[in-house]
Amino acid sequence: MTESRTGRLLPSSTVLMLREGAGGPEVFMVKRHHAIDFASGAMVFPGGKLAEGDSDPVLMGRHARPGRFDPALTAFGFAAIREAFEESGLLLARAKGEGSLLPAARAAALAPWRDPLNRGEKTLRDMAEAEGLDYALDTLVPFAHWITPEAMPKRFDTWFFVAAAPEGQIGAHDGGEAVESEWVGAQAALDDWEAQRRTIVFATRMQLVKLARAGSVAEALANAAREPIIDVMPVLDRDAPGEPHLRI
C-alpha cells in the first residue's frame, strides 16, 4: 500500500468502456449517487477501490487471459473488470477455453453476481469458478495514472484503463452507487460540462480531453497503447487570482 505524508493512498481502478458512435467513440459514464462521499452527483467512469480478492494469485494462474498486460498492474486490471461489471453490467470475460468475449445474453445472465461482488461477499475468483470464466485482461489498455492531490482529505492512487465494450452488451447502472448512466461522446460530455449541464470532476475531464482526440474506438486503443503513461498528481493552487483551482 502506498503511503504519503498526508496519509494512505487508496489503490483504485477506473475503466473507460468504449463503443462506436455516429460521431466517433462513445464512453460509458455513470452518475454517482448524491450520498456518496466522493464526487457525489458527478458523471464518472465505472471504478472504485481495489478489493482483497483482486490480488488473488489464483485469478492470474487459472482465470485470466493476460496477453501483453503488465504483470505489475494485475490487481488494478482485475479491479477494473470487477468495477465495470458491478457498476455497468459490462463484463470483460470469456467462457473458459473460448476465444470471443461473452455474448450479451450470457453476460446478462450473470447479473445476480453484481450485488454480492459489490458488497464484498463474493470475489471474481468465486464467479469464475462457479461460471467457468476467464477474465480478459488482454482487452484492457492502460490510459492514465493519477494520484489525488495532497491537500485532499481522501486520496486515491488510480489507474485508468480503456477497453472496447463487448459487442452486444449494452450496459446499465447499478441503481446504488450509480443512479444514471449513458453512452456519450467525449467532446459532447465536455461541452455539457462547459455549459454547466453536467458535473464532471477535474481528473475525469482530463481523460475526456484525451479521449476526444480519437476518431474511433480503434484509434483510441492504439493511441493509449502507443503513448507513455505519466504519473500525474495535480496541485491545489491557492496563489493564483480568483478561487483556488487544480493545476498539473
C-alpha atoms as a PDB file:
ATOM      1  CA  MET A   1       0.000   0.000   0.000  1.00  0.00           C
ATOM      2  CA  THR A   2       1.352   3.414  -0.973  1.00  0.00           C
ATOM      3  CA  GLU A   3       1.851   5.977   1.763  1.00  0.00           C
ATOM      4  CA  SER A   4       2.238   9.746   1.607  1.00  0.00           C
ATOM      5  CA  ARG A   5       2.934  12.395   4.190  1.00  0.00           C
ATOM      6  CA  THR A   6      -0.804  13.147   4.348  1.00  0.00           C
ATOM      7  CA  GLY A   7      -1.891   9.535   4.833  1.00  0.00           C
ATOM      8  CA  ARG A   8      -2.572   6.341   2.972  1.00  0.00           C
ATOM      9  CA  LEU A   9      -3.305   6.363  -0.743  1.00  0.00           C
ATOM     10  CA  LEU A  10      -6.151   4.044  -1.679  1.00  0.00           C
ATOM     11  CA  PRO A  11      -5.358   1.945  -4.790  1.00  0.00           C
ATOM     12  CA  SER A  12      -8.222   2.150  -7.270  1.00  0.00           C
ATOM     13  CA  SER A  13      -9.092   1.444 -10.883  1.00  0.00           C
ATOM     14  CA  THR A  14     -11.324   3.120 -13.443  1.00  0.00           C
ATOM     15  CA  VAL A  15     -12.260   1.888 -16.892  1.00  0.00           C
ATOM     16  CA  LEU A  16     -13.361   3.814 -19.965  1.00  0.00           C
ATOM     17  CA  MET A  17     -15.608   1.358 -21.833  1.00  0.00           C
ATOM     18  CA  LEU A  18     -15.850   2.420 -25.471  1.00  0.00           C
ATOM     19  CA  ARG A  19     -18.194   1.732 -28.353  1.00  0.00           C
ATOM     20  CA  GLU A  20     -18.531   3.247 -31.808  1.00  0.00           C
ATOM     21  CA  GLY A  21     -20.990   6.127 -32.103  1.00  0.00           C
ATOM     22  CA  ALA A  22     -22.255   8.122 -35.043  1.00  0.00           C
ATOM     23  CA  GLY A  23     -19.660  10.833 -34.474  1.00  0.00           C
ATOM     24  CA  GLY A  24     -16.798   8.776 -33.061  1.00  0.00           C
ATOM     25  CA  PRO A  25     -16.200   6.731 -29.917  1.00  0.00           C
ATOM     26  CA  GLU A  26     -18.699   6.881 -27.079  1.00  0.00           C
ATOM     27  CA  VAL A  27     -17.767   6.132 -23.475  1.00  0.00           C
ATOM     28  CA  PHE A  28     -19.994   4.649 -20.774  1.00  0.00           C
ATOM     29  CA  MET A  29     -20.485   7.062 -17.868  1.00  0.00           C
ATOM     30  CA  VAL A  30     -22.487   6.829 -14.680  1.00  0.00           C
ATOM     31  CA  LYS A  31     -23.823   9.490 -12.330  1.00  0.00           C
ATOM     32  CA  ARG A  32     -22.768   8.913  -8.734  1.00  0.00           C
ATOM     33  CA  HIS A  33     -25.396   8.901  -6.003  1.00  0.00           C
ATOM     34  CA  HIS A  34     -25.676  12.217  -4.157  1.00  0.00           C
ATOM     35  CA  ALA A  35     -24.972  10.489  -0.824  1.00  0.00           C
ATOM     36  CA  ILE A  36     -21.577   9.114  -1.933  1.00  0.00           C
ATOM     37  CA  ASP A  37     -18.769  10.889  -0.079  1.00  0.00           C
ATOM     38  CA  PHE A  38     -16.521  11.283  -3.124  1.00  0.00           C
ATOM     39  CA  ALA A  39     -17.647  13.052  -6.329  1.00  0.00           C
ATOM     40  CA  SER A  40     -21.321  12.868  -5.321  1.00  0.00           C
ATOM     41  CA  GLY A  41     -23.646  13.677  -8.212  1.00  0.00           C
ATOM     42  CA  ALA A  42     -20.784  13.736 -10.731  1.00  0.00           C
ATOM     43  CA  MET A  43     -20.587  11.886 -14.023  1.00  0.00           C
ATOM     44  CA  VAL A  44     -17.713   9.390 -13.837  1.00  0.00           C
ATOM     45  CA  PHE A  45     -16.458   6.211 -15.451  1.00  0.00           C
ATOM     46  CA  PRO A  46     -17.117   2.928 -13.619  1.00  0.00           C
ATOM     47  CA  GLY A  47     -14.436   2.372 -10.994  1.00  0.00           C
ATOM     48  CA  GLY A  48     -13.515   2.101  -7.357  1.00  0.00           C
ATOM     49  CA  LYS A  49     -11.062   0.841  -4.762  1.00  0.00           C
ATOM     50  CA  LEU A  50      -9.228  -2.455  -5.098  1.00  0.00           C
ATOM     51  CA  ALA A  51     -10.778  -5.332  -3.158  1.00  0.00           C
ATOM     52  CA  GLU A  52      -8.798  -8.030  -1.397  1.00  0.00           C
ATOM     53  CA  GLY A  53      -9.898 -10.636  -3.929  1.00  0.00           C
ATOM     54  CA  ASP A  54      -8.451  -8.642  -6.838  1.00  0.00           C
ATOM     55  CA  SER A  55      -4.966  -9.709  -5.738  1.00  0.00           C
ATOM     56  CA  ASP A  56      -5.779 -13.429  -5.584  1.00  0.00           C
ATOM     57  CA  PRO A  57      -2.889 -15.191  -7.403  1.00  0.00           C
ATOM     58  CA  VAL A  58      -5.283 -17.963  -8.486  1.00  0.00           C
ATOM     59  CA  LEU A  59      -7.027 -15.434 -10.728  1.00  0.00           C
ATOM     60  CA  MET A  60      -3.927 -14.947 -12.855  1.00  0.00           C
ATOM     61  CA  GLY A  61      -2.988 -18.615 -12.732  1.00  0.00           C
ATOM     62  CA  ARG A  62      -6.348 -20.078 -13.726  1.00  0.00           C
ATOM     63  CA  HIS A  63      -8.822 -17.410 -14.743  1.00  0.00           C
ATOM     64  CA  ALA A  64      -7.103 -14.742 -16.840  1.00  0.00           C
ATOM     65  CA  ARG A  65      -6.122 -14.049 -20.432  1.00  0.00           C
ATOM     66  CA  PRO A  66      -3.313 -11.567 -19.753  1.00  0.00           C
ATOM     67  CA  GLY A  67      -1.904 -11.109 -23.267  1.00  0.00           C
ATOM     68  CA  ARG A  68       0.673  -8.323 -23.026  1.00  0.00           C
ATOM     69  CA  PHE A  69      -0.888  -6.865 -19.889  1.00  0.00           C
ATOM     70  CA  ASP A  70       1.737  -5.503 -17.462  1.00  0.00           C
ATOM     71  CA  PRO A  71       2.030  -8.014 -14.575  1.00  0.00           C
ATOM     72  CA  ALA A  72       2.677  -5.131 -12.166  1.00  0.00           C
ATOM     73  CA  LEU A  73      -0.878  -3.877 -12.837  1.00  0.00           C
ATOM     74  CA  THR A  74      -2.614  -7.239 -12.481  1.00  0.00           C
ATOM     75  CA  ALA A  75      -4.646  -6.377  -9.372  1.00  0.00           C
ATOM     76  CA  PHE A  76      -5.613  -2.998 -10.877  1.00  0.00           C
ATOM     77  CA  GLY A  77      -6.738  -4.798 -14.039  1.00  0.00           C
ATOM     78  CA  PHE A  78      -8.909  -7.261 -12.164  1.00  0.00           C
ATOM     79  CA  ALA A  79     -10.371  -4.381 -10.148  1.00  0.00           C
ATOM     80  CA  ALA A  80     -11.215  -2.547 -13.386  1.00  0.00           C
ATOM     81  CA  ILE A  81     -13.037  -5.615 -14.739  1.00  0.00           C
ATOM     82  CA  ARG A  82     -14.897  -6.134 -11.452  1.00  0.00           C
ATOM     83  CA  GLU A  83     -15.887  -2.489 -11.038  1.00  0.00           C
ATOM     84  CA  ALA A  84     -17.077  -2.248 -14.640  1.00  0.00           C
ATOM     85  CA  PHE A  85     -19.272  -5.300 -14.130  1.00  0.00           C
ATOM     86  CA  GLU A  86     -20.614  -4.111 -10.766  1.00  0.00           C
ATOM     87  CA  GLU A  87     -21.457  -0.598 -11.953  1.00  0.00           C
ATOM     88  CA  SER A  88     -22.413  -1.171 -15.605  1.00  0.00           C
ATOM     89  CA  GLY A  89     -23.023  -4.890 -16.185  1.00  0.00           C
ATOM     90  CA  LEU A  90     -20.374  -4.845 -18.917  1.00  0.00           C
ATOM     91  CA  LEU A  91     -18.160  -7.880 -18.412  1.00  0.00           C
ATOM     92  CA  LEU A  92     -14.734  -8.389 -19.983  1.00  0.00           C
ATOM     93  CA  ALA A  93     -14.648 -12.171 -19.764  1.00  0.00           C
ATOM     94  CA  ARG A  94     -14.769 -15.305 -21.884  1.00  0.00           C
ATOM     95  CA  ALA A  95     -16.181 -18.744 -21.334  1.00  0.00           C
ATOM     96  CA  LYS A  96     -13.216 -20.897 -20.366  1.00  0.00           C
ATOM     97  CA  GLY A  97     -11.446 -22.128 -23.484  1.00  0.00           C
ATOM     98  CA  GLU A  98     -13.337 -19.760 -25.825  1.00  0.00           C
ATOM     99  CA  GLY A  99     -11.775 -17.006 -27.912  1.00  0.00           C
ATOM    100  CA  SER A 100     -14.627 -14.489 -28.011  1.00  0.00           C
ATOM    101  CA  LEU A 101     -15.909 -12.324 -25.197  1.00  0.00           C
ATOM    102  CA  LEU A 102     -19.171 -13.360 -23.580  1.00  0.00           C
ATOM    103  CA  PRO A 103     -22.258 -12.626 -25.690  1.00  0.00           C
ATOM    104  CA  ALA A 104     -24.803 -10.200 -24.301  1.00  0.00           C
ATOM    105  CA  ALA A 105     -27.275 -12.860 -23.162  1.00  0.00           C
ATOM    106  CA  ARG A 106     -24.617 -14.748 -21.199  1.00  0.00           C
ATOM    107  CA  ALA A 107     -23.328 -11.564 -19.541  1.00  0.00           C
ATOM    108  CA  ALA A 108     -26.889 -10.557 -18.643  1.00  0.00           C
ATOM    109  CA  ALA A 109     -27.470 -13.951 -17.021  1.00  0.00           C
ATOM    110  CA  LEU A 110     -24.567 -13.229 -14.664  1.00  0.00           C
ATOM    111  CA  ALA A 111     -26.229 -10.054 -13.313  1.00  0.00           C
ATOM    112  CA  PRO A 112     -27.102 -11.696  -9.938  1.00  0.00           C
ATOM    113  CA  TRP A 113     -23.369 -11.653  -9.164  1.00  0.00           C
ATOM    114  CA  ARG A 114     -23.163  -7.856  -9.317  1.00  0.00           C
ATOM    115  CA  ASP A 115     -24.509  -7.046  -5.842  1.00  0.00           C
ATOM    116  CA  PRO A 116     -22.561  -9.777  -3.981  1.00  0.00           C
ATOM    117  CA  LEU A 117     -19.361  -8.608  -5.672  1.00  0.00           C
ATOM    118  CA  ASN A 118     -20.113  -5.010  -4.775  1.00  0.00           C
ATOM    119  CA  ARG A 119     -20.771  -5.908  -1.133  1.00  0.00           C
ATOM    120  CA  GLY A 120     -17.577  -7.969  -0.928  1.00  0.00           C
ATOM    121  CA  GLU A 121     -19.497 -11.176  -0.236  1.00  0.00           C
ATOM    122  CA  LYS A 122     -18.152 -12.792  -3.416  1.00  0.00           C
ATOM    123  CA  THR A 123     -14.950 -12.387  -5.426  1.00  0.00           C
ATOM    124  CA  LEU A 124     -14.001 -12.603  -9.067  1.00  0.00           C
ATOM    125  CA  ARG A 125     -12.494 -15.998  -8.327  1.00  0.00           C
ATOM    126  CA  ASP A 126     -15.811 -17.201  -6.908  1.00  0.00           C
ATOM    127  CA  MET A 127     -17.651 -16.132 -10.059  1.00  0.00           C
ATOM    128  CA  ALA A 128     -15.018 -17.538 -12.414  1.00  0.00           C
ATOM    129  CA  GLU A 129     -15.020 -20.944 -10.759  1.00  0.00           C
ATOM    130  CA  ALA A 130     -18.806 -21.150 -10.487  1.00  0.00           C
ATOM    131  CA  GLU A 131     -19.481 -19.937 -14.030  1.00  0.00           C
ATOM    132  CA  GLY A 132     -16.453 -21.267 -15.951  1.00  0.00           C
ATOM    133  CA  LEU A 133     -14.932 -17.913 -16.876  1.00  0.00           C
ATOM    134  CA  ASP A 134     -11.599 -16.402 -17.865  1.00  0.00           C
ATOM    135  CA  TYR A 135     -11.170 -12.645 -17.396  1.00  0.00           C
ATOM    136  CA  ALA A 136      -9.955 -10.685 -20.401  1.00  0.00           C
ATOM    137  CA  LEU A 137      -7.071  -8.640 -19.012  1.00  0.00           C
ATOM    138  CA  ASP A 138      -5.723  -8.605 -22.573  1.00  0.00           C
ATOM    139  CA  THR A 139      -8.542  -6.243 -23.622  1.00  0.00           C
ATOM    140  CA  LEU A 140      -7.516  -3.545 -21.111  1.00  0.00           C
ATOM    141  CA  VAL A 141      -5.069  -0.846 -22.199  1.00  0.00           C
ATOM    142  CA  PRO A 142      -3.540   1.457 -19.548  1.00  0.00           C
ATOM    143  CA  PHE A 143      -4.698   5.011 -20.257  1.00  0.00           C
ATOM    144  CA  ALA A 144      -3.555   7.206 -17.345  1.00  0.00           C
ATOM    145  CA  HIS A 145      -2.238   7.132 -13.767  1.00  0.00           C
ATOM    146  CA  TRP A 146      -3.472   9.825 -11.404  1.00  0.00           C
ATOM    147  CA  ILE A 147      -2.827  10.461  -7.723  1.00  0.00           C
ATOM    148  CA  THR A 148      -5.169  12.655  -5.676  1.00  0.00           C
ATOM    149  CA  PRO A 149      -3.594  15.973  -4.595  1.00  0.00           C
ATOM    150  CA  GLU A 150      -2.035  16.057  -1.141  1.00  0.00           C
ATOM    151  CA  ALA A 151      -4.461  18.708   0.086  1.00  0.00           C
ATOM    152  CA  MET A 152      -7.454  16.369  -0.241  1.00  0.00           C
ATOM    153  CA  PRO A 153      -8.786  14.508   2.838  1.00  0.00           C
ATOM    154  CA  LYS A 154      -9.387  11.290   0.867  1.00  0.00           C
ATOM    155  CA  ARG A 155      -6.722  10.272  -1.617  1.00  0.00           C
ATOM    156  CA  PHE A 156      -6.557   7.674  -4.373  1.00  0.00           C
ATOM    157  CA  ASP A 157      -3.812   6.092  -6.450  1.00  0.00           C
ATOM    158  CA  THR A 158      -5.844   5.447  -9.598  1.00  0.00           C
ATOM    159  CA  TRP A 159      -5.098   3.637 -12.835  1.00  0.00           C
ATOM    160  CA  PHE A 160      -7.389   4.449 -15.757  1.00  0.00           C
ATOM    161  CA  PHE A 161      -7.840   1.819 -18.482  1.00  0.00           C
ATOM    162  CA  VAL A 162      -9.594   1.844 -21.846  1.00  0.00           C
ATOM    163  CA  ALA A 163     -11.322  -1.136 -23.421  1.00  0.00           C
ATOM    164  CA  ALA A 164     -13.733  -1.807 -26.240  1.00  0.00           C
ATOM    165  CA  ALA A 165     -17.077  -2.809 -24.780  1.00  0.00           C
ATOM    166  CA  PRO A 166     -18.033  -6.406 -25.611  1.00  0.00           C
ATOM    167  CA  GLU A 167     -20.186  -6.494 -28.724  1.00  0.00           C
ATOM    168  CA  GLY A 168     -23.883  -6.530 -27.931  1.00  0.00           C
ATOM    169  CA  GLN A 169     -23.501  -5.743 -24.225  1.00  0.00           C
ATOM    170  CA  ILE A 170     -25.472  -2.548 -23.597  1.00  0.00           C
ATOM    171  CA  GLY A 171     -24.605  -1.523 -20.035  1.00  0.00           C
ATOM    172  CA  ALA A 172     -26.865  -0.342 -17.202  1.00  0.00           C
ATOM    173  CA  HIS A 173     -26.126   1.434 -13.910  1.00  0.00           C
ATOM    174  CA  ASP A 174     -26.495  -0.481 -10.656  1.00  0.00           C
ATOM    175  CA  GLY A 175     -29.087   1.801  -9.057  1.00  0.00           C
ATOM    176  CA  GLY A 176     -26.997   2.036  -5.883  1.00  0.00           C
ATOM    177  CA  GLU A 177     -23.720   3.935  -6.134  1.00  0.00           C
ATOM    178  CA  ALA A 178     -24.673   4.914  -9.699  1.00  0.00           C
ATOM    179  CA  VAL A 179     -28.146   6.354 -10.295  1.00  0.00           C
ATOM    180  CA  GLU A 180     -27.946   7.212 -14.009  1.00  0.00           C
ATOM    181  CA  SER A 181     -25.887   6.027 -16.955  1.00  0.00           C
ATOM    182  CA  GLU A 182     -25.358   6.775 -20.623  1.00  0.00           C
ATOM    183  CA  TRP A 183     -23.092   6.363 -23.610  1.00  0.00           C
ATOM    184  CA  VAL A 184     -21.726   9.757 -24.589  1.00  0.00           C
ATOM    185  CA  GLY A 185     -19.087  11.206 -26.876  1.00  0.00           C
ATOM    186  CA  ALA A 186     -16.122  12.696 -25.032  1.00  0.00           C
ATOM    187  CA  GLN A 187     -16.474  16.146 -26.593  1.00  0.00           C
ATOM    188  CA  ALA A 188     -20.231  16.172 -26.020  1.00  0.00           C
ATOM    189  CA  ALA A 189     -19.658  15.482 -22.323  1.00  0.00           C
ATOM    190  CA  LEU A 190     -17.073  18.265 -22.141  1.00  0.00           C
ATOM    191  CA  ASP A 191     -19.425  20.671 -23.912  1.00  0.00           C
ATOM    192  CA  ASP A 192     -22.158  19.856 -21.406  1.00  0.00           C
ATOM    193  CA  TRP A 193     -19.753  20.481 -18.529  1.00  0.00           C
ATOM    194  CA  GLU A 194     -18.775  23.840 -20.047  1.00  0.00           C
ATOM    195  CA  ALA A 195     -22.465  24.733 -20.300  1.00  0.00           C
ATOM    196  CA  GLN A 196     -22.979  23.628 -16.666  1.00  0.00           C
ATOM    197  CA  ARG A 197     -25.337  20.837 -17.679  1.00  0.00           C
ATOM    198  CA  ARG A 198     -23.102  18.173 -16.088  1.00  0.00           C
ATOM    199  CA  THR A 199     -20.860  17.897 -13.043  1.00  0.00           C
ATOM    200  CA  ILE A 200     -17.543  16.324 -14.051  1.00  0.00           C
ATOM    201  CA  VAL A 201     -14.540  16.347 -11.721  1.00  0.00           C
ATOM    202  CA  PHE A 202     -11.137  17.514 -12.916  1.00  0.00           C
ATOM    203  CA  ALA A 203      -9.488  14.099 -13.368  1.00  0.00           C
ATOM    204  CA  THR A 204     -12.454  12.779 -15.341  1.00  0.00           C
ATOM    205  CA  ARG A 205     -12.482  15.866 -17.571  1.00  0.00           C
ATOM    206  CA  MET A 206      -8.812  15.419 -18.380  1.00  0.00           C
ATOM    207  CA  GLN A 207      -9.435  11.827 -19.504  1.00  0.00           C
ATOM    208  CA  LEU A 208     -12.290  13.043 -21.704  1.00  0.00           C
ATOM    209  CA  VAL A 209      -9.983  15.648 -23.253  1.00  0.00           C
ATOM    210  CA  LYS A 210      -7.501  12.882 -24.040  1.00  0.00           C
ATOM    211  CA  LEU A 211     -10.199  10.559 -25.391  1.00  0.00           C
ATOM    212  CA  ALA A 212     -11.695  13.292 -27.579  1.00  0.00           C
ATOM    213  CA  ARG A 213      -8.578  13.226 -29.778  1.00  0.00           C
ATOM    214  CA  ALA A 214      -9.576   9.834 -31.201  1.00  0.00           C
ATOM    215  CA  GLY A 215     -11.961   9.425 -34.115  1.00  0.00           C
ATOM    216  CA  SER A 216     -12.749   5.761 -33.473  1.00  0.00           C
ATOM    217  CA  VAL A 217     -12.501   3.094 -30.795  1.00  0.00           C
ATOM    218  CA  ALA A 218      -9.581   1.501 -32.624  1.00  0.00           C
ATOM    219  CA  GLU A 219      -7.746   4.833 -32.730  1.00  0.00           C
ATOM    220  CA  ALA A 220      -8.371   5.419 -29.012  1.00  0.00           C
ATOM    221  CA  LEU A 221      -6.962   1.996 -28.131  1.00  0.00           C
ATOM    222  CA  ALA A 222      -3.982   2.450 -30.448  1.00  0.00           C
ATOM    223  CA  ASN A 223      -3.226   5.890 -29.011  1.00  0.00           C
ATOM    224  CA  ALA A 224      -3.342   4.508 -25.469  1.00  0.00           C
ATOM    225  CA  ALA A 225      -1.048   1.614 -26.354  1.00  0.00           C
ATOM    226  CA  ARG A 226       1.470   3.934 -28.010  1.00  0.00           C
ATOM    227  CA  GLU A 227       1.592   6.869 -25.593  1.00  0.00           C
ATOM    228  CA  PRO A 228       3.699   6.623 -22.407  1.00  0.00           C
ATOM    229  CA  ILE A 229       1.891   6.777 -19.084  1.00  0.00           C
ATOM    230  CA  ILE A 230       2.898   9.779 -16.979  1.00  0.00           C
ATOM    231  CA  ASP A 231       2.224   9.813 -13.229  1.00  0.00           C
ATOM    232  CA  VAL A 232       0.020  12.840 -12.531  1.00  0.00           C
ATOM    233  CA  MET A 233      -0.614  14.433  -9.145  1.00  0.00           C
ATOM    234  CA  PRO A 234      -2.421  17.783  -9.520  1.00  0.00           C
ATOM    235  CA  VAL A 235      -1.546  20.638  -7.179  1.00  0.00           C
ATOM    236  CA  LEU A 236      -4.087  22.882  -5.480  1.00  0.00           C
ATOM    237  CA  ASP A 237      -3.024  26.391  -6.487  1.00  0.00           C
ATOM    238  CA  ARG A 238      -4.145  28.865  -3.831  1.00  0.00           C
ATOM    239  CA  ASP A 239      -1.985  31.748  -5.041  1.00  0.00           C
ATOM    240  CA  ALA A 240      -3.459  32.309  -8.495  1.00  0.00           C
ATOM    241  CA  PRO A 241      -6.060  35.086  -8.968  1.00  0.00           C
ATOM    242  CA  GLY A 242      -9.634  34.047  -8.193  1.00  0.00           C
ATOM    243  CA  GLU A 243     -10.735  30.867  -6.477  1.00  0.00           C
ATOM    244  CA  PRO A 244      -8.186  28.118  -5.678  1.00  0.00           C
ATOM    245  CA  HIS A 245      -8.003  25.619  -8.538  1.00  0.00           C
ATOM    246  CA  LEU A 246      -6.145  22.480  -9.548  1.00  0.00           C
ATOM    247  CA  ARG A 247      -3.261  22.561 -11.978  1.00  0.00           C
ATOM    248  CA  ILE A 248      -0.928  19.939 -13.417  1.00  0.00           C
END
